[in-house]
Amino acid sequence: MADNEISSGFLDADVLSGEQSFTDITEVYVSVSGFGRLFRCQRYNRLHMLKALKPAYIGNPFYEQALRKEFDISYQLEHPHVCRALGWETISGLGHCIVMEYIDGLSLREFMAQGKLTPELARKFVQELCSALGYLHGKQIVHRDLKPENILVTYNGNNIKLIDFGLSDCDDYDALKLPAGTRYYLAPEALNPGQPLDLRADIYSLGIIIGEMAELLGDKQLAAVSRRCTRRRPEDRYPSASAVARNMADSRPYPHLYRWVAAVGVLLLVAGGYTYYNSRGTVLPPTDFPVYGNYSLPVDTWAQLTDSIGVERAVTSEYPVPAQRQSAACEHCREALYELREVR
């Protein structure tokens, strides 16, 4: 480091000098039928993934362009359930590479094989896949290679991450179309050369995946959604990923129970509100309550005796009272009047 360079002491020399080298590069996956391979590596003490061509394809213009196409598509994507592309770099020994975020997880295929799938997780996964596909389709991008191997499940939170856009079809790349996907997951129209594909090809592949989960769980509701997704004619399938998501909401276990619980809850709320509204003005006071003096009489009787105006009329000369009212009760009324005046 030159004498005039300033270092905080927290970064290595290769970082400060602008060298952005990767370390601990380890091959983790090689595509059997495709042209790519994946590496795990570190940079600045953070894990990343690198996607590069197989040695046999390095330098081949067609496959070099295909890898670049994948980067151009994936770099524009920003979605919580889509793997992010971070950069395009040339690395010694690997050639051109896509730098991607590292996802700590396993494929959906491995997840299902380990017996971890539950009805609740299956529905969560499909909802997240529908969210990712809806995002892609909104950008006129068709994945074209949707299968459990290209769907990762994170260890932390069991969240879906969609990967591998090497066969994605975008309007900007009509001139470069590769044989797409694993045959089992391909929509029938994808097997007809020259036939254009749209988002419903992804809906078909999604339906195959849902069907695999339905078979594993013995879930009839999931199986019904899968059958609609995988109809032979594209126009007979769900028209969009969001339509699949809406039908998934109705395919929860015991859907009728959810509806009954919701209906009963609404009825209870309405009944409670009606009762409260009608009872606000009808709260009755107790019929007996303490009064001035030592007497405690029913409300209606005591009101006649202790009404301040009536008592005042009874004890003033302006309104003389009959002689028979001049009794102990009248004496009590006077005392009650004086006490009321003192309190007020």
Protein backbone atom coordinates (compact mmCIF):
# COMPACT_ATOMS: atom_id res chain seq x y z
CA MET A 1 0.00 0.00 0.00
CA ALA A 2 1.36 3.41 -0.90
CA ASP A 3 2.32 5.80 1.88
CA ASN A 4 -0.35 8.31 0.88
CA GLU A 5 -3.20 5.73 1.03
CA ILE A 6 -5.36 5.79 4.13
CA SER A 7 -6.65 2.58 5.69
CA SER A 8 -9.19 2.17 8.46
CA GLY A 9 -7.63 -1.14 9.39
CA PHE A 10 -10.90 -3.01 8.87
CA LEU A 11 -10.53 -4.03 5.19
CA ASP A 12 -8.02 -6.31 3.55
CA ALA A 13 -5.48 -4.88 1.15
CA ASP A 14 -7.10 -6.53 -1.90
CA VAL A 15 -10.39 -4.76 -1.11
CA LEU A 16 -8.75 -1.38 -0.73
CA SER A 17 -6.80 -1.78 -3.94
CA GLY A 18 -9.97 -2.48 -5.93
CA GLU A 19 -9.28 -6.20 -6.37
CA GLN A 20 -12.62 -7.98 -6.16
CA SER A 21 -11.40 -11.56 -6.05
CA PHE A 22 -13.48 -14.55 -5.00
CA THR A 23 -12.12 -17.08 -2.55
CA ASP A 24 -13.03 -20.63 -1.52
CA ILE A 25 -14.60 -21.38 -4.90
CA THR A 26 -16.26 -24.80 -4.68
CA GLU A 27 -18.32 -26.54 -7.34
CA VAL A 28 -21.71 -27.53 -5.90
CA TYR A 29 -23.82 -28.50 -8.92
CA VAL A 30 -23.41 -29.51 -12.56
CA SER A 31 -26.44 -29.63 -14.82
CA VAL A 32 -26.90 -33.06 -16.37
CA SER A 33 -28.88 -31.94 -19.41
CA GLY A 34 -28.03 -28.23 -19.44
CA PHE A 35 -24.94 -26.18 -20.15
CA GLY A 36 -24.21 -24.62 -16.77
CA ARG A 37 -22.60 -25.36 -13.43
CA LEU A 38 -22.77 -23.66 -10.04
CA PHE A 39 -20.06 -22.69 -7.57
CA ARG A 40 -20.18 -21.48 -3.99
CA CYS A 41 -17.62 -18.82 -3.12
CA GLN A 42 -16.83 -15.94 -0.79
CA ARG A 43 -16.18 -12.28 -1.30
CA TYR A 44 -15.66 -9.78 1.51
CA ASN A 45 -16.50 -12.62 3.93
CA ARG A 46 -19.92 -13.07 2.36
CA LEU A 47 -21.15 -16.14 0.50
CA HIS A 48 -22.15 -15.88 -3.16
CA MET A 49 -23.04 -18.23 -5.98
CA LEU A 50 -21.41 -18.26 -9.41
CA LYS A 51 -23.02 -19.70 -12.52
CA ALA A 52 -20.62 -20.57 -15.31
CA LEU A 53 -20.57 -22.69 -18.45
CA LYS A 54 -19.38 -26.27 -18.49
CA PRO A 55 -15.82 -26.50 -19.85
CA ALA A 56 -17.08 -28.00 -23.13
CA TYR A 57 -19.23 -24.92 -23.79
CA ILE A 58 -16.80 -22.14 -22.80
CA GLY A 59 -16.03 -19.98 -25.84
CA ASN A 60 -19.00 -21.28 -27.84
CA PRO A 61 -20.80 -18.14 -29.07
CA PHE A 62 -24.24 -19.72 -28.87
CA TYR A 63 -23.92 -20.78 -25.23
CA GLU A 64 -21.99 -17.68 -24.24
CA GLN A 65 -24.91 -15.65 -25.56
CA ALA A 66 -27.34 -17.93 -23.71
CA LEU A 67 -25.56 -17.32 -20.40
CA ARG A 68 -25.50 -13.59 -21.06
CA LYS A 69 -29.22 -13.74 -21.89
CA GLU A 70 -29.91 -15.35 -18.53
CA PHE A 71 -28.01 -12.56 -16.77
CA ASP A 72 -29.80 -9.82 -18.68
CA ILE A 73 -33.16 -11.30 -17.71
CA SER A 74 -32.42 -12.13 -14.08
CA TYR A 75 -30.56 -8.87 -13.32
CA GLN A 76 -33.72 -6.82 -13.85
CA LEU A 77 -35.73 -8.92 -11.38
CA GLU A 78 -36.33 -7.84 -7.80
CA HIS A 79 -38.77 -10.09 -5.94
CA PRO A 80 -38.62 -11.81 -2.53
CA HIS A 81 -39.18 -15.24 -4.11
CA VAL A 82 -36.77 -14.88 -7.03
CA CYS A 83 -33.01 -15.42 -6.74
CA ARG A 84 -31.16 -12.15 -7.38
CA ALA A 85 -28.41 -11.71 -9.94
CA LEU A 86 -25.75 -9.33 -8.60
CA GLY A 87 -23.27 -8.99 -11.45
CA TRP A 88 -21.53 -10.28 -14.59
CA GLU A 89 -17.82 -11.00 -14.28
CA THR A 90 -14.98 -12.89 -15.88
CA ILE A 91 -13.16 -15.22 -13.48
CA SER A 92 -9.92 -17.01 -14.19
CA GLY A 93 -10.52 -20.69 -14.94
CA LEU A 94 -14.30 -20.27 -15.15
CA GLY A 95 -14.78 -17.70 -17.88
CA HIS A 96 -17.86 -15.50 -17.84
CA CYS A 97 -19.97 -15.92 -14.71
CA ILE A 98 -23.22 -14.66 -13.25
CA VAL A 99 -22.71 -13.58 -9.64
CA MET A 100 -25.82 -14.45 -7.62
CA GLU A 101 -27.03 -14.16 -4.06
CA TYR A 102 -26.32 -17.19 -1.91
CA ILE A 103 -29.41 -19.07 -0.77
CA ASP A 104 -29.00 -21.25 2.28
CA GLY A 105 -31.46 -24.01 1.58
CA LEU A 106 -32.27 -27.08 -0.45
CA SER A 107 -34.29 -27.85 -3.54
CA LEU A 108 -38.00 -28.57 -3.33
CA ARG A 109 -37.19 -32.04 -4.68
CA GLU A 110 -34.91 -32.73 -1.71
CA PHE A 111 -37.39 -31.13 0.69
CA MET A 112 -40.17 -33.49 -0.41
CA ALA A 113 -37.85 -36.52 -0.44
CA GLN A 114 -36.95 -35.86 3.20
CA GLY A 115 -40.62 -36.04 4.24
CA LYS A 116 -40.80 -32.42 5.39
CA LEU A 117 -43.81 -31.39 3.31
CA THR A 118 -47.11 -30.70 5.11
CA PRO A 119 -50.48 -29.54 3.70
CA GLU A 120 -49.87 -26.08 5.17
CA LEU A 121 -46.37 -25.80 3.69
CA ALA A 122 -47.57 -27.07 0.31
CA ARG A 123 -50.13 -24.27 0.13
CA LYS A 124 -47.56 -21.72 1.31
CA PHE A 125 -45.10 -22.84 -1.37
CA VAL A 126 -47.68 -22.66 -4.15
CA GLN A 127 -48.81 -19.19 -3.05
CA GLU A 128 -45.20 -17.97 -3.10
CA LEU A 129 -44.56 -19.57 -6.49
CA CYS A 130 -47.69 -17.90 -7.84
CA SER A 131 -46.42 -14.57 -6.51
CA ALA A 132 -43.06 -15.05 -8.26
CA LEU A 133 -44.64 -16.22 -11.53
CA GLY A 134 -47.14 -13.37 -11.52
CA TYR A 135 -44.21 -10.97 -11.17
CA LEU A 136 -42.33 -12.60 -14.07
CA HIS A 137 -45.37 -12.74 -16.32
CA GLY A 138 -46.05 -9.08 -15.63
CA LYS A 139 -42.65 -8.41 -17.22
CA GLN A 140 -43.50 -10.63 -20.22
CA ILE A 141 -41.05 -13.29 -19.05
CA VAL A 142 -41.91 -17.00 -19.18
CA HIS A 143 -39.65 -19.20 -17.06
CA ARG A 144 -40.06 -22.31 -19.30
CA ASP A 145 -38.11 -24.61 -16.96
CA LEU A 146 -40.23 -24.76 -13.83
CA LYS A 147 -39.50 -27.95 -11.85
CA PRO A 148 -38.71 -28.88 -8.22
CA GLU A 149 -34.96 -28.78 -8.91
CA ASN A 150 -35.24 -25.08 -9.83
CA ILE A 151 -37.17 -24.18 -6.68
CA LEU A 152 -35.20 -23.68 -3.48
CA VAL A 153 -36.60 -23.78 0.06
CA THR A 154 -34.66 -21.72 2.60
CA TYR A 155 -33.65 -23.31 5.89
CA ASN A 156 -34.68 -20.15 7.70
CA GLY A 157 -38.43 -19.71 7.35
CA ASN A 158 -39.12 -22.31 4.63
CA ASN A 159 -39.43 -19.61 1.97
CA ILE A 160 -39.43 -20.25 -1.77
CA LYS A 161 -36.71 -18.95 -4.11
CA LEU A 162 -37.10 -19.46 -7.84
CA ILE A 163 -33.80 -20.00 -9.67
CA ASP A 164 -32.34 -20.76 -13.11
CA PHE A 165 -33.53 -18.44 -15.86
CA GLY A 166 -31.30 -20.06 -18.47
CA LEU A 167 -34.29 -21.10 -20.55
CA SER A 168 -36.51 -18.13 -19.76
CA ASP A 169 -38.28 -16.68 -22.75
CA CYS A 170 -38.44 -12.91 -23.04
CA ASP A 171 -39.75 -10.75 -25.86
CA ASP A 172 -36.26 -9.29 -26.25
CA TYR A 173 -34.80 -12.70 -27.13
CA ASP A 174 -37.04 -14.11 -29.83
CA ALA A 175 -34.00 -15.01 -31.93
CA LEU A 176 -32.50 -17.21 -29.23
CA LYS A 177 -34.80 -20.05 -28.18
CA LEU A 178 -33.41 -23.18 -26.62
CA PRO A 179 -35.05 -26.59 -26.22
CA ALA A 180 -36.77 -25.94 -22.94
CA GLY A 181 -37.21 -27.79 -19.68
CA THR A 182 -37.49 -31.33 -18.48
CA ARG A 183 -39.94 -33.26 -20.65
CA TYR A 184 -42.18 -34.38 -17.77
CA TYR A 185 -42.90 -30.76 -16.78
CA LEU A 186 -43.27 -29.35 -20.29
CA ALA A 187 -46.65 -28.14 -21.52
CA PRO A 188 -47.89 -30.03 -24.62
CA GLU A 189 -47.54 -26.94 -26.81
CA ALA A 190 -43.84 -26.73 -25.87
CA LEU A 191 -43.27 -30.03 -27.66
CA ASN A 192 -44.55 -28.61 -30.95
CA PRO A 193 -41.70 -26.82 -32.76
CA GLY A 194 -42.59 -23.34 -33.84
CA GLN A 195 -45.64 -22.99 -31.62
CA PRO A 196 -45.43 -19.83 -29.51
CA LEU A 197 -45.46 -20.20 -25.74
CA ASP A 198 -47.10 -17.88 -23.26
CA LEU A 199 -47.49 -17.74 -19.49
CA ARG A 200 -49.88 -20.71 -19.54
CA ALA A 201 -46.90 -22.96 -20.25
CA ASP A 202 -45.63 -22.06 -16.77
CA ILE A 203 -49.12 -22.70 -15.35
CA TYR A 204 -48.93 -26.23 -16.76
CA SER A 205 -45.52 -26.87 -15.17
CA LEU A 206 -46.76 -25.45 -11.87
CA GLY A 207 -49.72 -27.84 -12.06
CA ILE A 208 -47.40 -30.83 -12.41
CA ILE A 209 -45.52 -29.71 -9.29
CA ILE A 210 -48.78 -29.21 -7.38
CA GLY A 211 -49.85 -32.69 -8.50
CA GLU A 212 -46.65 -34.21 -7.10
CA MET A 213 -47.29 -32.57 -3.75
CA ALA A 214 -50.95 -33.66 -3.83
CA GLU A 215 -49.95 -37.27 -4.47
CA LEU A 216 -47.37 -37.18 -1.70
CA LEU A 217 -49.90 -35.81 0.80
CA GLY A 218 -53.03 -37.54 -0.49
CA ASP A 219 -54.62 -34.09 -0.79
CA LYS A 220 -57.75 -34.03 -2.97
CA GLN A 221 -58.08 -30.24 -2.99
CA LEU A 222 -54.53 -29.81 -4.31
CA ALA A 223 -55.17 -32.53 -6.87
CA ALA A 224 -58.21 -30.62 -8.18
CA VAL A 225 -56.12 -27.46 -8.67
CA SER A 226 -53.43 -29.52 -10.41
CA ARG A 227 -55.93 -31.00 -12.87
CA ARG A 228 -57.13 -27.55 -13.91
CA CYS A 229 -53.54 -26.32 -14.38
CA THR A 230 -52.55 -29.27 -16.56
CA ARG A 231 -55.38 -29.39 -19.07
CA ARG A 232 -54.11 -30.05 -22.55
CA ARG A 233 -55.52 -26.93 -24.19
CA PRO A 234 -53.97 -23.70 -22.81
CA GLU A 235 -57.33 -21.90 -22.88
CA ASP A 236 -58.78 -24.51 -20.49
CA ARG A 237 -56.16 -23.84 -17.80
CA TYR A 238 -56.14 -21.10 -15.20
CA PRO A 239 -55.57 -17.84 -17.08
CA SER A 240 -52.91 -16.55 -14.69
CA ALA A 241 -50.82 -17.34 -11.63
CA SER A 242 -53.03 -15.07 -9.53
CA ALA A 243 -56.05 -17.19 -10.51
CA VAL A 244 -54.22 -20.28 -9.25
CA ALA A 245 -53.45 -18.46 -6.00
CA ARG A 246 -57.11 -17.55 -5.50
CA ASN A 247 -58.18 -21.15 -5.99
CA MET A 248 -55.45 -22.30 -3.62
CA ALA A 249 -57.06 -20.18 -0.92
CA ASP A 250 -60.22 -22.27 -1.36
CA SER A 251 -58.28 -25.53 -1.27
CA ARG A 252 -57.27 -25.32 2.37
CA PRO A 253 -57.85 -28.46 4.45
CA TYR A 254 -61.50 -28.62 5.57
CA PRO A 255 -62.57 -25.55 3.55
CA HIS A 256 -66.21 -25.93 4.62
CA LEU A 257 -65.14 -25.77 8.26
CA TYR A 258 -63.37 -22.46 7.60
CA ARG A 259 -66.54 -21.07 6.01
CA TRP A 260 -68.73 -22.21 8.91
CA VAL A 261 -66.36 -20.75 11.49
CA ALA A 262 -66.27 -17.45 9.60
CA ALA A 263 -70.08 -17.37 9.29
CA VAL A 264 -70.60 -18.10 12.99
CA GLY A 265 -68.07 -15.40 13.89
CA VAL A 266 -69.91 -12.83 11.79
CA LEU A 267 -73.26 -13.77 13.33
CA LEU A 268 -71.86 -13.48 16.85
CA LEU A 269 -70.43 -10.05 16.07
CA VAL A 270 -73.74 -8.84 14.63
CA ALA A 271 -75.75 -10.23 17.54
CA GLY A 272 -73.36 -8.73 20.08
CA GLY A 273 -73.48 -5.32 18.42
CA TYR A 274 -77.29 -5.38 18.23
CA THR A 275 -77.59 -6.31 21.91
CA TYR A 276 -75.16 -3.60 22.94
CA TYR A 277 -76.90 -0.94 20.84
CA ASN A 278 -80.36 -1.74 22.20
CA SER A 279 -79.25 -1.97 25.81
CA ARG A 280 -77.46 1.37 26.01
CA GLY A 281 -80.60 3.40 26.89
CA THR A 282 -82.39 0.82 29.02
CA VAL A 283 -80.02 0.33 31.94
CA LEU A 284 -82.28 0.52 35.00
CA PRO A 285 -81.11 1.87 38.37
CA PRO A 286 -81.65 -0.16 41.51
CA THR A 287 -85.09 0.22 43.07
CA ASP A 288 -83.55 0.92 46.49
CA PHE A 289 -80.72 3.35 47.25
CA PRO A 290 -79.52 5.36 50.30
CA VAL A 291 -81.25 8.69 50.96
CA TYR A 292 -80.71 11.53 53.35
CA GLY A 293 -81.84 10.61 56.82
CA ASN A 294 -82.51 7.12 58.01
CA TYR A 295 -85.23 6.21 55.52
CA SER A 296 -84.85 3.99 52.47
CA LEU A 297 -88.03 3.78 50.42
CA PRO A 298 -88.87 2.55 46.91
CA VAL A 299 -87.81 5.00 44.22
CA ASP A 300 -91.28 6.11 43.14
CA THR A 301 -92.47 6.69 46.75
CA TRP A 302 -89.32 8.48 47.84
CA ALA A 303 -89.42 10.73 44.75
CA GLN A 304 -92.78 12.07 45.84
CA LEU A 305 -91.52 12.87 49.34
CA THR A 306 -88.08 14.27 48.54
CA ASP A 307 -88.72 16.25 45.37
CA SER A 308 -87.09 19.55 46.30
CA ILE A 309 -89.84 21.70 44.78
CA GLY A 310 -92.59 19.72 46.44
CA VAL A 311 -90.88 19.80 49.81
CA GLU A 312 -90.21 23.50 49.53
CA ARG A 313 -93.87 24.15 48.76
CA ALA A 314 -94.81 22.06 51.77
CA VAL A 315 -92.74 24.07 54.22
CA THR A 316 -93.30 27.64 53.04
CA SER A 317 -96.16 29.90 54.05
CA GLU A 318 -96.85 30.75 50.43
CA TYR A 319 -98.19 27.24 49.88
CA PRO A 320 -99.86 26.20 53.18
CA VAL A 321 -100.36 22.45 53.66
CA PRO A 322 -103.29 20.70 55.34
CA ALA A 323 -103.07 20.15 59.04
CA GLN A 324 -102.98 16.41 58.62
CA ARG A 325 -99.66 16.82 56.75
CA GLN A 326 -98.08 18.47 59.81
CA SER A 327 -96.65 15.26 61.11
CA ALA A 328 -93.40 13.55 61.77
CA ALA A 329 -93.14 12.85 58.08
CA CYS A 330 -93.28 16.57 57.34
CA GLU A 331 -90.55 17.20 59.89
CA HIS A 332 -88.43 14.68 58.07
CA CYS A 333 -89.13 16.43 54.76
CA ARG A 334 -87.84 19.73 56.22
CA GLU A 335 -84.65 18.05 57.37
CA ALA A 336 -84.20 16.44 53.99
CA LEU A 337 -84.67 19.80 52.23
CA TYR A 338 -82.06 21.52 54.38
CA GLU A 339 -79.58 18.72 53.77
CA LEU A 340 -80.19 18.86 50.02
CA ARG A 341 -79.55 22.63 50.01
CA GLU A 342 -76.30 22.21 51.93
CA VAL A 343 -75.08 19.55 49.51
CA ARG A 344 -75.94 21.63 46.43
